[in-house]
Amino acid sequence: MRDVFVPDRMSYLTAVGLAVRRLRKRAGLTQRQVTSALGLSSSAWSKVEHGLVNPGVLQLARFAQLAGVSLVQLAEEIDNLNVKT
């Protein structure tokens, strides 16, 4: 039987996705509102929230502004998820 590696920390992309999803919901925003404001397709934003793609810094900055938080607060939300480096 082979050993299976199970990380005790989530990946960076997973943490980013979870953080933006939490902040979006906390701000009372729908995915449609976010995609409209950021000029993204719903499938592109869904991939961000599911940790499948790495959003750019400008997208994160625009999202943070839309969600009513600073980039520092967004970074803290990600860090609080115990990111694997």
Protein backbone atom coordinates (compact mmCIF):
# COMPACT_ATOMS: atom_id res chain seq x y z
CA MET A 1 0.00 0.00 0.00
CA ARG A 2 1.41 3.38 -1.01
CA ASP A 3 1.55 6.29 1.37
CA VAL A 4 -0.75 9.11 0.40
CA PHE A 5 0.38 12.66 1.09
CA VAL A 6 -2.35 14.67 2.76
CA PRO A 7 -1.30 18.26 3.39
CA ASP A 8 -2.28 19.77 6.70
CA ARG A 9 -2.54 23.17 5.11
CA MET A 10 -4.45 24.22 2.05
CA SER A 11 -2.78 25.50 -1.08
CA TYR A 12 -2.45 29.20 -1.77
CA LEU A 13 -5.00 29.13 -4.59
CA THR A 14 -7.52 27.27 -2.45
CA ALA A 15 -7.03 29.80 0.34
CA VAL A 16 -7.45 32.74 -2.05
CA GLY A 17 -10.64 31.22 -3.43
CA LEU A 18 -12.09 30.54 -0.01
CA ALA A 19 -11.13 34.02 1.23
CA VAL A 20 -12.72 35.88 -1.68
CA ARG A 21 -15.85 33.74 -1.44
CA ARG A 22 -16.17 34.48 2.29
CA LEU A 23 -15.57 38.19 1.82
CA ARG A 24 -18.01 38.35 -1.10
CA LYS A 25 -20.73 36.73 0.98
CA ARG A 26 -19.94 38.90 4.01
CA ALA A 27 -20.34 41.97 1.81
CA GLY A 28 -23.70 40.67 0.56
CA LEU A 29 -22.49 40.49 -3.04
CA THR A 30 -23.59 37.96 -5.62
CA GLN A 31 -21.17 36.41 -8.07
CA ARG A 32 -23.02 38.26 -10.82
CA GLN A 33 -22.38 41.62 -9.11
CA VAL A 34 -18.69 40.83 -8.75
CA THR A 35 -18.26 39.64 -12.32
CA SER A 36 -20.10 42.67 -13.66
CA ALA A 37 -17.95 45.08 -11.64
CA LEU A 38 -14.70 43.32 -12.51
CA GLY A 39 -15.54 42.70 -16.16
CA LEU A 40 -15.10 38.94 -15.86
CA SER A 41 -17.20 36.04 -17.02
CA SER A 42 -19.06 34.09 -14.36
CA SER A 43 -17.01 30.99 -15.19
CA ALA A 44 -13.74 32.90 -14.73
CA TRP A 45 -14.78 34.17 -11.29
CA SER A 46 -16.08 30.75 -10.32
CA LYS A 47 -12.64 29.33 -11.07
CA VAL A 48 -11.10 31.95 -8.76
CA GLU A 49 -13.51 31.07 -5.94
CA HIS A 50 -12.81 27.36 -6.40
CA GLY A 51 -9.04 27.85 -6.29
CA LEU A 52 -8.46 26.79 -9.88
CA VAL A 53 -6.85 29.98 -11.19
CA ASN A 54 -4.65 32.66 -9.71
CA PRO A 55 -6.28 36.09 -9.96
CA GLY A 56 -4.09 39.06 -10.71
CA VAL A 57 -3.23 41.67 -8.11
CA LEU A 58 -5.36 44.27 -9.88
CA GLN A 59 -8.36 41.94 -9.83
CA LEU A 60 -7.83 41.29 -6.13
CA ALA A 61 -7.49 45.02 -5.44
CA ARG A 62 -10.68 45.80 -7.34
CA PHE A 63 -12.48 42.95 -5.60
CA ALA A 64 -11.31 44.13 -2.17
CA GLN A 65 -12.58 47.63 -2.89
CA LEU A 66 -15.91 46.22 -4.06
CA ALA A 67 -16.17 44.06 -0.92
CA GLY A 68 -15.34 47.05 1.30
CA VAL A 69 -12.04 45.71 2.61
CA SER A 70 -8.41 46.66 2.13
CA LEU A 71 -5.83 44.49 0.40
CA VAL A 72 -4.26 44.02 3.83
CA GLN A 73 -7.54 42.65 5.18
CA LEU A 74 -7.82 40.32 2.18
CA ALA A 75 -4.24 39.12 2.76
CA GLU A 76 -4.99 38.55 6.45
CA GLU A 77 -8.08 36.53 5.53
CA ILE A 78 -5.92 34.34 3.29
CA ASP A 79 -3.19 34.04 5.94
CA ASN A 80 -5.75 33.06 8.58
CA LEU A 81 -6.60 30.02 6.47
CA ASN A 82 -3.16 28.61 7.29
CA VAL A 83 -1.71 28.79 3.80
CA LYS A 84 0.84 26.18 2.78
CA THR A 85 3.94 27.92 1.42
